[in-house]
């Protein structure tokens, strides 16, 4: 794992790498275009054949349907910093999610 970990910083498609607690494993986040995915899997398979990695698995994320929203600039005070209550925001999101689920069921 150390050999692979030292190589990761030189791979342009790696966005981040994290050690999995209590496991002999790394979680690696990559960005690969759909038409390059097979090349990535070929690369990982070759690394496994050469003994640099024991095994690998992949999860694809569809970013096309992903919705994001930033925190409103209204919540930032130049002197005090962010005025942001995470617990309150999470409670409001949970409420919205329940409302949305109930609408879909109806």
PDB file of N, CA and C in Angstrom:
ATOM      1  N   UNK A   1       0.826  -1.180   0.000  1.00  0.00           N
ATOM      2  CA  UNK A   1       0.000   0.000   0.000  1.00  0.00           C
ATOM      3  C   UNK A   1       0.877   1.253   0.000  1.00  0.00           C
ATOM      4  N   UNK A   2       1.981   1.219   0.713  1.00  0.00           N
ATOM      5  CA  UNK A   2       2.866   2.391   0.756  1.00  0.00           C
ATOM      6  C   UNK A   2       3.418   2.730  -0.622  1.00  0.00           C
ATOM      7  N   UNK A   3       3.740   1.680  -1.405  1.00  0.00           N
ATOM      8  CA  UNK A   3       4.263   1.918  -2.753  1.00  0.00           C
ATOM      9  C   UNK A   3       3.205   2.603  -3.616  1.00  0.00           C
ATOM     10  N   UNK A   4       1.967   2.138  -3.536  1.00  0.00           N
ATOM     11  CA  UNK A   4       0.902   2.736  -4.321  1.00  0.00           C
ATOM     12  C   UNK A   4       0.603   4.155  -3.828  1.00  0.00           C
ATOM     13  N   UNK A   5       0.572   4.344  -2.513  1.00  0.00           N
ATOM     14  CA  UNK A   5       0.282   5.657  -1.941  1.00  0.00           C
ATOM     15  C   UNK A   5       1.317   6.689  -2.405  1.00  0.00           C
ATOM     16  N   UNK A   6       2.581   6.289  -2.469  1.00  0.00           N
ATOM     17  CA  UNK A   6       3.611   7.235  -2.905  1.00  0.00           C
ATOM     18  C   UNK A   6       3.485   7.564  -4.394  1.00  0.00           C
ATOM     19  N   UNK A   7       2.887   6.680  -5.172  1.00  0.00           N
ATOM     20  CA  UNK A   7       2.694   6.904  -6.599  1.00  0.00           C
ATOM     21  C   UNK A   7       1.494   7.816  -6.877  1.00  0.00           C
ATOM     22  N   UNK A   8       0.486   7.770  -6.020  1.00  0.00           N
ATOM     23  CA  UNK A   8      -0.780   8.466  -6.258  1.00  0.00           C
ATOM     24  C   UNK A   8      -0.612   9.961  -6.506  1.00  0.00           C
ATOM     25  N   UNK A   9       0.292  10.613  -5.803  1.00  0.00           N
ATOM     26  CA  UNK A   9       0.441  12.065  -5.956  1.00  0.00           C
ATOM     27  C   UNK A   9       0.867  12.463  -7.362  1.00  0.00           C
ATOM     28  N   UNK A  10       1.422  11.528  -8.136  1.00  0.00           N
ATOM     29  CA  UNK A  10       1.864  11.818  -9.493  1.00  0.00           C
ATOM     30  C   UNK A  10       0.790  11.530 -10.550  1.00  0.00           C
ATOM     31  N   UNK A  11      -0.365  11.017 -10.135  1.00  0.00           N
ATOM     32  CA  UNK A  11      -1.431  10.677 -11.074  1.00  0.00           C
ATOM     33  C   UNK A  11      -2.373  11.877 -11.230  1.00  0.00           C
ATOM     34  N   UNK A  12      -2.431  12.431 -12.425  1.00  0.00           N
ATOM     35  CA  UNK A  12      -3.195  13.657 -12.654  1.00  0.00           C
ATOM     36  C   UNK A  12      -4.689  13.499 -12.396  1.00  0.00           C
ATOM     37  N   UNK A  13      -5.236  12.297 -12.521  1.00  0.00           N
ATOM     38  CA  UNK A  13      -6.677  12.105 -12.389  1.00  0.00           C
ATOM     39  C   UNK A  13      -7.121  11.849 -10.953  1.00  0.00           C
ATOM     40  N   UNK A  14      -6.182  11.787 -10.014  1.00  0.00           N
ATOM     41  CA  UNK A  14      -6.535  11.564  -8.611  1.00  0.00           C
ATOM     42  C   UNK A  14      -6.837  12.904  -7.955  1.00  0.00           C
ATOM     43  N   UNK A  15      -8.066  13.030  -7.430  1.00  0.00           N
ATOM     44  CA  UNK A  15      -8.478  14.248  -6.742  1.00  0.00           C
ATOM     45  C   UNK A  15      -8.148  14.195  -5.257  1.00  0.00           C
ATOM     46  N   UNK A  16      -8.141  13.006  -4.698  1.00  0.00           N
ATOM     47  CA  UNK A  16      -7.852  12.870  -3.276  1.00  0.00           C
ATOM     48  C   UNK A  16      -7.661  11.416  -2.900  1.00  0.00           C
ATOM     49  N   UNK A  17      -6.937  11.208  -1.808  1.00  0.00           N
ATOM     50  CA  UNK A  17      -6.706   9.851  -1.311  1.00  0.00           C
ATOM     51  C   UNK A  17      -6.818   9.875   0.212  1.00  0.00           C
ATOM     52  N   UNK A  18      -7.485   8.866   0.754  1.00  0.00           N
ATOM     53  CA  UNK A  18      -7.722   8.779   2.188  1.00  0.00           C
ATOM     54  C   UNK A  18      -7.497   7.354   2.649  1.00  0.00           C
ATOM     55  N   UNK A  19      -6.849   7.201   3.772  1.00  0.00           N
ATOM     56  CA  UNK A  19      -6.663   5.880   4.379  1.00  0.00           C
ATOM     57  C   UNK A  19      -7.967   5.479   5.052  1.00  0.00           C
ATOM     58  N   UNK A  20      -8.414   4.245   4.832  1.00  0.00           N
ATOM     59  CA  UNK A  20      -9.619   3.729   5.475  1.00  0.00           C
ATOM     60  C   UNK A  20      -9.223   3.244   6.862  1.00  0.00           C
ATOM     61  N   UNK A  21      -9.872   3.796   7.884  1.00  0.00           N
ATOM     62  CA  UNK A  21      -9.534   3.445   9.267  1.00  0.00           C
ATOM     63  C   UNK A  21      -9.719   1.963   9.532  1.00  0.00           C
ATOM     64  N   UNK A  22      -8.769   1.378  10.232  1.00  0.00           N
ATOM     65  CA  UNK A  22      -8.785  -0.017  10.664  1.00  0.00           C
ATOM     66  C   UNK A  22      -8.787  -1.008   9.502  1.00  0.00           C
ATOM     67  N   UNK A  23      -8.409  -0.571   8.335  1.00  0.00           N
ATOM     68  CA  UNK A  23      -8.335  -1.439   7.154  1.00  0.00           C
ATOM     69  C   UNK A  23      -7.014  -1.195   6.439  1.00  0.00           C
ATOM     70  N   UNK A  24      -6.558  -2.177   5.711  1.00  0.00           N
ATOM     71  CA  UNK A  24      -5.393  -2.016   4.861  1.00  0.00           C
ATOM     72  C   UNK A  24      -5.899  -1.578   3.488  1.00  0.00           C
ATOM     73  N   UNK A  25      -6.460  -0.363   3.449  1.00  0.00           N
ATOM     74  CA  UNK A  25      -7.128   0.097   2.235  1.00  0.00           C
ATOM     75  C   UNK A  25      -7.052   1.607   2.109  1.00  0.00           C
ATOM     76  N   UNK A  26      -7.126   2.062   0.873  1.00  0.00           N
ATOM     77  CA  UNK A  26      -7.184   3.484   0.557  1.00  0.00           C
ATOM     78  C   UNK A  26      -8.466   3.764  -0.205  1.00  0.00           C
ATOM     79  N   UNK A  27      -9.045   4.912   0.030  1.00  0.00           N
ATOM     80  CA  UNK A  27     -10.181   5.396  -0.737  1.00  0.00           C
ATOM     81  C   UNK A  27      -9.632   6.483  -1.644  1.00  0.00           C
ATOM     82  N   UNK A  28      -9.764   6.295  -2.943  1.00  0.00           N
ATOM     83  CA  UNK A  28      -9.187   7.229  -3.900  1.00  0.00           C
ATOM     84  C   UNK A  28     -10.310   7.823  -4.738  1.00  0.00           C
ATOM     85  N   UNK A  29     -10.383   9.141  -4.768  1.00  0.00           N
ATOM     86  CA  UNK A  29     -11.387   9.837  -5.564  1.00  0.00           C
ATOM     87  C   UNK A  29     -10.718  10.327  -6.829  1.00  0.00           C
ATOM     88  N   UNK A  30     -11.276   9.933  -7.948  1.00  0.00           N
ATOM     89  CA  UNK A  30     -10.713  10.312  -9.243  1.00  0.00           C
ATOM     90  C   UNK A  30     -11.755  11.033 -10.076  1.00  0.00           C
ATOM     91  N   UNK A  31     -11.294  11.706 -11.088  1.00  0.00           N
ATOM     92  CA  UNK A  31     -12.173  12.294 -12.083  1.00  0.00           C
ATOM     93  C   UNK A  31     -11.747  11.730 -13.421  1.00  0.00           C
ATOM     94  N   UNK A  32     -12.661  10.992 -14.036  1.00  0.00           N
ATOM     95  CA  UNK A  32     -12.362  10.354 -15.308  1.00  0.00           C
ATOM     96  C   UNK A  32     -13.538  10.559 -16.241  1.00  0.00           C
ATOM     97  N   UNK A  33     -13.270  11.003 -17.442  1.00  0.00           N
ATOM     98  CA  UNK A  33     -14.325  11.119 -18.432  1.00  0.00           C
ATOM     99  C   UNK A  33     -14.836   9.731 -18.790  1.00  0.00           C
ATOM    100  N   UNK A  34     -16.102   9.658 -19.173  1.00  0.00           N
ATOM    101  CA  UNK A  34     -16.727   8.370 -19.477  1.00  0.00           C
ATOM    102  C   UNK A  34     -15.922   7.575 -20.505  1.00  0.00           C
ATOM    103  N   UNK A  35     -15.428   8.242 -21.524  1.00  0.00           N
ATOM    104  CA  UNK A  35     -14.691   7.521 -22.574  1.00  0.00           C
ATOM    105  C   UNK A  35     -13.283   7.114 -22.137  1.00  0.00           C
ATOM    106  N   UNK A  36     -12.833   7.547 -20.941  1.00  0.00           N
ATOM    107  CA  UNK A  36     -11.535   7.124 -20.422  1.00  0.00           C
ATOM    108  C   UNK A  36     -11.659   6.131 -19.264  1.00  0.00           C
ATOM    109  N   UNK A  37     -12.877   5.790 -18.892  1.00  0.00           N
ATOM    110  CA  UNK A  37     -13.086   4.897 -17.748  1.00  0.00           C
ATOM    111  C   UNK A  37     -12.411   3.538 -17.968  1.00  0.00           C
ATOM    112  N   UNK A  38     -12.528   2.982 -19.165  1.00  0.00           N
ATOM    113  CA  UNK A  38     -11.920   1.676 -19.426  1.00  0.00           C
ATOM    114  C   UNK A  38     -10.402   1.730 -19.261  1.00  0.00           C
ATOM    115  N   UNK A  39      -9.782   2.823 -19.662  1.00  0.00           N
ATOM    116  CA  UNK A  39      -8.338   2.975 -19.486  1.00  0.00           C
ATOM    117  C   UNK A  39      -7.975   2.995 -18.005  1.00  0.00           C
ATOM    118  N   UNK A  40      -8.809   3.640 -17.184  1.00  0.00           N
ATOM    119  CA  UNK A  40      -8.563   3.656 -15.746  1.00  0.00           C
ATOM    120  C   UNK A  40      -8.640   2.247 -15.175  1.00  0.00           C
ATOM    121  N   UNK A  41      -9.664   1.492 -15.578  1.00  0.00           N
ATOM    122  CA  UNK A  41      -9.789   0.113 -15.083  1.00  0.00           C
ATOM    123  C   UNK A  41      -8.637  -0.762 -15.575  1.00  0.00           C
ATOM    124  N   UNK A  42      -8.189  -0.550 -16.793  1.00  0.00           N
ATOM    125  CA  UNK A  42      -7.021  -1.283 -17.303  1.00  0.00           C
ATOM    126  C   UNK A  42      -5.786  -0.960 -16.459  1.00  0.00           C
ATOM    127  N   UNK A  43      -5.618   0.325 -16.135  1.00  0.00           N
ATOM    128  CA  UNK A  43      -4.486   0.756 -15.309  1.00  0.00           C
ATOM    129  C   UNK A  43      -4.538   0.089 -13.929  1.00  0.00           C
ATOM    130  N   UNK A  44      -5.707   0.121 -13.295  1.00  0.00           N
ATOM    131  CA  UNK A  44      -5.827  -0.492 -11.972  1.00  0.00           C
ATOM    132  C   UNK A  44      -5.612  -2.000 -12.021  1.00  0.00           C
ATOM    133  N   UNK A  45      -6.080  -2.635 -13.075  1.00  0.00           N
ATOM    134  CA  UNK A  45      -5.868  -4.077 -13.235  1.00  0.00           C
ATOM    135  C   UNK A  45      -4.380  -4.396 -13.381  1.00  0.00           C
ATOM    136  N   UNK A  46      -3.675  -3.574 -14.137  1.00  0.00           N
ATOM    137  CA  UNK A  46      -2.226  -3.773 -14.296  1.00  0.00           C
ATOM    138  C   UNK A  46      -1.505  -3.572 -12.960  1.00  0.00           C
ATOM    139  N   UNK A  47      -1.931  -2.568 -12.195  1.00  0.00           N
ATOM    140  CA  UNK A  47      -1.340  -2.348 -10.868  1.00  0.00           C
ATOM    141  C   UNK A  47      -1.572  -3.564  -9.974  1.00  0.00           C
ATOM    142  N   UNK A  48      -2.731  -4.170 -10.076  1.00  0.00           N
ATOM    143  CA  UNK A  48      -3.028  -5.368  -9.276  1.00  0.00           C
ATOM    144  C   UNK A  48      -2.172  -6.550  -9.741  1.00  0.00           C
ATOM    145  N   UNK A  49      -2.020  -6.732 -11.050  1.00  0.00           N
ATOM    146  CA  UNK A  49      -1.190  -7.829 -11.568  1.00  0.00           C
ATOM    147  C   UNK A  49       0.265  -7.699 -11.123  1.00  0.00           C
ATOM    148  N   UNK A  50       0.753  -6.452 -11.058  1.00  0.00           N
ATOM    149  CA  UNK A  50       2.141  -6.222 -10.653  1.00  0.00           C
ATOM    150  C   UNK A  50       2.322  -6.224  -9.140  1.00  0.00           C
ATOM    151  N   UNK A  51       1.236  -6.348  -8.402  1.00  0.00           N
ATOM    152  CA  UNK A  51       1.330  -6.431  -6.945  1.00  0.00           C
ATOM    153  C   UNK A  51       1.349  -5.103  -6.221  1.00  0.00           C
ATOM    154  N   UNK A  52       1.095  -3.993  -6.930  1.00  0.00           N
ATOM    155  CA  UNK A  52       1.067  -2.690  -6.276  1.00  0.00           C
ATOM    156  C   UNK A  52      -0.222  -2.495  -5.480  1.00  0.00           C
ATOM    157  N   UNK A  53      -1.296  -3.105  -5.939  1.00  0.00           N
ATOM    158  CA  UNK A  53      -2.561  -3.105  -5.199  1.00  0.00           C
ATOM    159  C   UNK A  53      -3.058  -4.539  -5.128  1.00  0.00           C
ATOM    160  N   UNK A  54      -3.734  -4.851  -4.032  1.00  0.00           N
ATOM    161  CA  UNK A  54      -4.251  -6.209  -3.862  1.00  0.00           C
ATOM    162  C   UNK A  54      -5.546  -6.398  -4.644  1.00  0.00           C
ATOM    163  N   UNK A  55      -6.408  -5.402  -4.580  1.00  0.00           N
ATOM    164  CA  UNK A  55      -7.665  -5.445  -5.316  1.00  0.00           C
ATOM    165  C   UNK A  55      -8.206  -4.017  -5.413  1.00  0.00           C
ATOM    166  N   UNK A  56      -9.254  -3.854  -6.175  1.00  0.00           N
ATOM    167  CA  UNK A  56      -9.897  -2.549  -6.275  1.00  0.00           C
ATOM    168  C   UNK A  56     -11.364  -2.746  -6.616  1.00  0.00           C
ATOM    169  N   UNK A  57     -12.147  -1.752  -6.317  1.00  0.00           N
ATOM    170  CA  UNK A  57     -13.547  -1.712  -6.731  1.00  0.00           C
ATOM    171  C   UNK A  57     -13.856  -0.266  -7.081  1.00  0.00           C
ATOM    172  N   UNK A  58     -14.922  -0.057  -7.815  1.00  0.00           N
ATOM    173  CA  UNK A  58     -15.234   1.288  -8.293  1.00  0.00           C
ATOM    174  C   UNK A  58     -16.701   1.605  -8.062  1.00  0.00           C
ATOM    175  N   UNK A  59     -16.962   2.874  -7.905  1.00  0.00           N
ATOM    176  CA  UNK A  59     -18.325   3.381  -7.819  1.00  0.00           C
ATOM    177  C   UNK A  59     -18.396   4.596  -8.725  1.00  0.00           C
ATOM    178  N   UNK A  60     -19.347   4.605  -9.618  1.00  0.00           N
ATOM    179  CA  UNK A  60     -19.488   5.735 -10.538  1.00  0.00           C
ATOM    180  C   UNK A  60     -20.513   6.709 -10.005  1.00  0.00           C
ATOM    181  N   UNK A  61     -20.203   7.982 -10.156  1.00  0.00           N
ATOM    182  CA  UNK A  61     -21.098   9.045  -9.725  1.00  0.00           C
ATOM    183  C   UNK A  61     -21.515   9.826 -10.963  1.00  0.00           C
ATOM    184  N   UNK A  62     -22.802   9.986 -11.139  1.00  0.00           N
ATOM    185  CA  UNK A  62     -23.326  10.727 -12.276  1.00  0.00           C
ATOM    186  C   UNK A  62     -23.431  12.195 -11.881  1.00  0.00           C
ATOM    187  N   UNK A  63     -22.510  13.007 -12.350  1.00  0.00           N
ATOM    188  CA  UNK A  63     -22.487  14.414 -11.997  1.00  0.00           C
ATOM    189  C   UNK A  63     -23.461  15.248 -12.824  1.00  0.00           C
ATOM    190  N   UNK A  64     -24.010  14.671 -13.877  1.00  0.00           N
ATOM    191  CA  UNK A  64     -24.930  15.406 -14.729  1.00  0.00           C
ATOM    192  C   UNK A  64     -26.202  15.746 -13.965  1.00  0.00           C
ATOM    193  N   UNK A  65     -26.690  14.811 -13.153  1.00  0.00           N
ATOM    194  CA  UNK A  65     -27.940  15.021 -12.430  1.00  0.00           C
ATOM    195  C   UNK A  65     -27.725  15.547 -11.019  1.00  0.00           C
ATOM    196  N   UNK A  66     -26.515  15.905 -10.692  1.00  0.00           N
ATOM    197  CA  UNK A  66     -26.196  16.384  -9.351  1.00  0.00           C
ATOM    198  C   UNK A  66     -26.614  17.842  -9.204  1.00  0.00           C
ATOM    199  N   UNK A  67     -27.259  18.144  -8.099  1.00  0.00           N
ATOM    200  CA  UNK A  67     -27.694  19.499  -7.816  1.00  0.00           C
ATOM    201  C   UNK A  67     -26.887  20.032  -6.640  1.00  0.00           C
ATOM    202  N   UNK A  68     -26.378  21.229  -6.775  1.00  0.00           N
ATOM    203  CA  UNK A  68     -25.598  21.835  -5.699  1.00  0.00           C
ATOM    204  C   UNK A  68     -26.094  23.250  -5.451  1.00  0.00           C
ATOM    205  N   UNK A  69     -25.837  23.702  -4.256  1.00  0.00           N
ATOM    206  CA  UNK A  69     -26.171  25.081  -3.913  1.00  0.00           C
ATOM    207  C   UNK A  69     -25.142  25.569  -2.914  1.00  0.00           C
ATOM    208  N   UNK A  70     -24.693  26.770  -3.093  1.00  0.00           N
ATOM    209  CA  UNK A  70     -23.720  27.343  -2.168  1.00  0.00           C
ATOM    210  C   UNK A  70     -24.431  27.996  -0.992  1.00  0.00           C
ATOM    211  N   UNK A  71     -23.675  28.273   0.042  1.00  0.00           N
ATOM    212  CA  UNK A  71     -24.208  28.994   1.188  1.00  0.00           C
ATOM    213  C   UNK A  71     -24.332  30.461   0.796  1.00  0.00           C
ATOM    214  N   UNK A  72     -25.462  31.043   1.104  1.00  0.00           N
ATOM    215  CA  UNK A  72     -25.734  32.421   0.704  1.00  0.00           C
ATOM    216  C   UNK A  72     -24.711  33.388   1.300  1.00  0.00           C
ATOM    217  N   UNK A  73     -24.276  34.329   0.495  1.00  0.00           N
ATOM    218  CA  UNK A  73     -23.328  35.349   0.973  1.00  0.00           C
ATOM    219  C   UNK A  73     -23.956  36.220   2.053  1.00  0.00           C
ATOM    220  N   UNK A  74     -25.302  36.228   2.139  1.00  0.00           N
ATOM    221  CA  UNK A  74     -25.977  37.012   3.181  1.00  0.00           C
ATOM    222  C   UNK A  74     -25.609  36.525   4.585  1.00  0.00           C
ATOM    223  N   UNK A  75     -25.147  35.274   4.679  1.00  0.00           N
ATOM    224  CA  UNK A  75     -24.808  34.700   5.979  1.00  0.00           C
ATOM    225  C   UNK A  75     -23.378  35.028   6.412  1.00  0.00           C
ATOM    226  N   UNK A  76     -22.672  35.830   5.635  1.00  0.00           N
ATOM    227  CA  UNK A  76     -21.294  36.187   5.970  1.00  0.00           C
ATOM    228  C   UNK A  76     -21.223  37.640   6.428  1.00  0.00           C
ATOM    229  N   UNK A  77     -20.627  37.829   7.585  1.00  0.00           N
ATOM    230  CA  UNK A  77     -20.395  39.166   8.127  1.00  0.00           C
ATOM    231  C   UNK A  77     -18.900  39.436   8.056  1.00  0.00           C
ATOM    232  N   UNK A  78     -18.516  40.571   7.505  1.00  0.00           N
ATOM    233  CA  UNK A  78     -17.103  40.881   7.299  1.00  0.00           C
ATOM    234  C   UNK A  78     -16.296  40.812   8.592  1.00  0.00           C
ATOM    235  N   UNK A  79     -16.866  41.211   9.696  1.00  0.00           N
ATOM    236  CA  UNK A  79     -16.139  41.226  10.959  1.00  0.00           C
ATOM    237  C   UNK A  79     -16.314  39.938  11.761  1.00  0.00           C
ATOM    238  N   UNK A  80     -17.512  39.368  11.746  1.00  0.00           N
ATOM    239  CA  UNK A  80     -17.797  38.196  12.580  1.00  0.00           C
ATOM    240  C   UNK A  80     -17.593  36.872  11.846  1.00  0.00           C
ATOM    241  N   UNK A  81     -17.560  36.894  10.528  1.00  0.00           N
ATOM    242  CA  UNK A  81     -17.411  35.657   9.764  1.00  0.00           C
ATOM    243  C   UNK A  81     -18.767  35.057   9.426  1.00  0.00           C
ATOM    244  N   UNK A  82     -18.809  33.741   9.271  1.00  0.00           N
ATOM    245  CA  UNK A  82     -20.034  33.055   8.866  1.00  0.00           C
ATOM    246  C   UNK A  82     -21.016  32.962  10.027  1.00  0.00           C
ATOM    247  N   UNK A  83     -22.253  33.288   9.757  1.00  0.00           N
ATOM    248  CA  UNK A  83     -23.352  33.105  10.699  1.00  0.00           C
ATOM    249  C   UNK A  83     -24.202  31.968  10.143  1.00  0.00           C
ATOM    250  N   UNK A  84     -23.786  30.746  10.454  1.00  0.00           N
ATOM    251  CA  UNK A  84     -24.345  29.567   9.811  1.00  0.00           C
ATOM    252  C   UNK A  84     -24.576  28.515  10.872  1.00  0.00           C
ATOM    253  N   UNK A  85     -25.836  28.113  11.085  1.00  0.00           N
ATOM    254  CA  UNK A  85     -26.194  27.095  12.076  1.00  0.00           C
ATOM    255  C   UNK A  85     -26.440  25.780  11.341  1.00  0.00           C
ATOM    256  N   UNK A  86     -25.445  24.898  11.353  1.00  0.00           N
ATOM    257  CA  UNK A  86     -25.528  23.646  10.606  1.00  0.00           C
ATOM    258  C   UNK A  86     -26.704  22.796  11.064  1.00  0.00           C
ATOM    259  N   UNK A  87     -26.917  22.696  12.376  1.00  0.00           N
ATOM    260  CA  UNK A  87     -28.021  21.865  12.870  1.00  0.00           C
ATOM    261  C   UNK A  87     -29.366  22.375  12.368  1.00  0.00           C
ATOM    262  N   UNK A  88     -29.535  23.680  12.358  1.00  0.00           N
ATOM    263  CA  UNK A  88     -30.782  24.279  11.872  1.00  0.00           C
ATOM    264  C   UNK A  88     -30.962  23.979  10.380  1.00  0.00           C
ATOM    265  N   UNK A  89     -29.897  24.134   9.608  1.00  0.00           N
ATOM    266  CA  UNK A  89     -29.972  23.871   8.168  1.00  0.00           C
ATOM    267  C   UNK A  89     -30.280  22.406   7.886  1.00  0.00           C
ATOM    268  N   UNK A  90     -29.639  21.486   8.627  1.00  0.00           N
ATOM    269  CA  UNK A  90     -29.906  20.061   8.434  1.00  0.00           C
ATOM    270  C   UNK A  90     -31.340  19.712   8.793  1.00  0.00           C
ATOM    271  N   UNK A  91     -31.877  20.323   9.843  1.00  0.00           N
ATOM    272  CA  UNK A  91     -33.268  20.092  10.225  1.00  0.00           C
ATOM    273  C   UNK A  91     -34.209  20.566   9.119  1.00  0.00           C
ATOM    274  N   UNK A  92     -33.911  21.723   8.545  1.00  0.00           N
ATOM    275  CA  UNK A  92     -34.743  22.242   7.459  1.00  0.00           C
ATOM    276  C   UNK A  92     -34.651  21.352   6.222  1.00  0.00           C
ATOM    277  N   UNK A  93     -33.459  20.840   5.927  1.00  0.00           N
ATOM    278  CA  UNK A  93     -33.303  19.925   4.790  1.00  0.00           C
ATOM    279  C   UNK A  93     -34.080  18.636   5.008  1.00  0.00           C
ATOM    280  N   UNK A  94     -34.038  18.103   6.228  1.00  0.00           N
ATOM    281  CA  UNK A  94     -34.795  16.885   6.548  1.00  0.00           C
ATOM    282  C   UNK A  94     -36.282  17.124   6.356  1.00  0.00           C
ATOM    283  N   UNK A  95     -36.744  18.280   6.780  1.00  0.00           N
ATOM    284  CA  UNK A  95     -38.157  18.644   6.624  1.00  0.00           C
ATOM    285  C   UNK A  95     -38.523  18.705   5.142  1.00  0.00           C
ATOM    286  N   UNK A  96     -37.679  19.339   4.333  1.00  0.00           N
ATOM    287  CA  UNK A  96     -37.930  19.414   2.894  1.00  0.00           C
ATOM    288  C   UNK A  96     -37.936  18.028   2.252  1.00  0.00           C
ATOM    289  N   UNK A  97     -37.000  17.162   2.673  1.00  0.00           N
ATOM    290  CA  UNK A  97     -36.925  15.809   2.112  1.00  0.00           C
ATOM    291  C   UNK A  97     -38.189  15.024   2.446  1.00  0.00           C
ATOM    292  N   UNK A  98     -38.686  15.144   3.690  1.00  0.00           N
ATOM    293  CA  UNK A  98     -39.920  14.440   4.066  1.00  0.00           C
ATOM    294  C   UNK A  98     -41.099  14.954   3.247  1.00  0.00           C
ATOM    295  N   UNK A  99     -41.178  16.254   3.066  1.00  0.00           N
ATOM    296  CA  UNK A  99     -42.265  16.852   2.293  1.00  0.00           C
ATOM    297  C   UNK A  99     -42.213  16.358   0.849  1.00  0.00           C
ATOM    298  N   UNK A 100     -41.009  16.312   0.283  1.00  0.00           N
ATOM    299  CA  UNK A 100     -40.836  15.856  -1.097  1.00  0.00           C
ATOM    300  C   UNK A 100     -41.243  14.397  -1.241  1.00  0.00           C
ATOM    301  N   UNK A 101     -40.846  13.545  -0.282  1.00  0.00           N
ATOM    302  CA  UNK A 101     -41.210  12.113  -0.329  1.00  0.00           C
ATOM    303  C   UNK A 101     -42.721  11.952  -0.251  1.00  0.00           C
ATOM    304  N   UNK A 102     -43.352  12.727   0.636  1.00  0.00           N
ATOM    305  CA  UNK A 102     -44.809  12.631   0.793  1.00  0.00           C
ATOM    306  C   UNK A 102     -45.533  13.051  -0.478  1.00  0.00           C
ATOM    307  N   UNK A 103     -45.013  14.050  -1.181  1.00  0.00           N
ATOM    308  CA  UNK A 103     -45.635  14.505  -2.432  1.00  0.00           C
ATOM    309  C   UNK A 103     -45.528  13.431  -3.511  1.00  0.00           C
ATOM    310  N   UNK A 104     -44.361  12.746  -3.560  1.00  0.00           N
ATOM    311  CA  UNK A 104     -44.178  11.706  -4.576  1.00  0.00           C
ATOM    312  C   UNK A 104     -45.091  10.513  -4.329  1.00  0.00           C
ATOM    313  N   UNK A 105     -45.364  10.221  -3.055  1.00  0.00           N
ATOM    314  CA  UNK A 105     -46.238   9.096  -2.711  1.00  0.00           C
ATOM    315  C   UNK A 105     -47.687   9.385  -3.052  1.00  0.00           C
ATOM    316  N   UNK A 106     -48.061  10.664  -2.985  1.00  0.00           N
ATOM    317  CA  UNK A 106     -49.480  11.041  -3.211  1.00  0.00           C
ATOM    318  C   UNK A 106     -49.859  10.986  -4.664  1.00  0.00           C
TER     319      UNK A 106
END
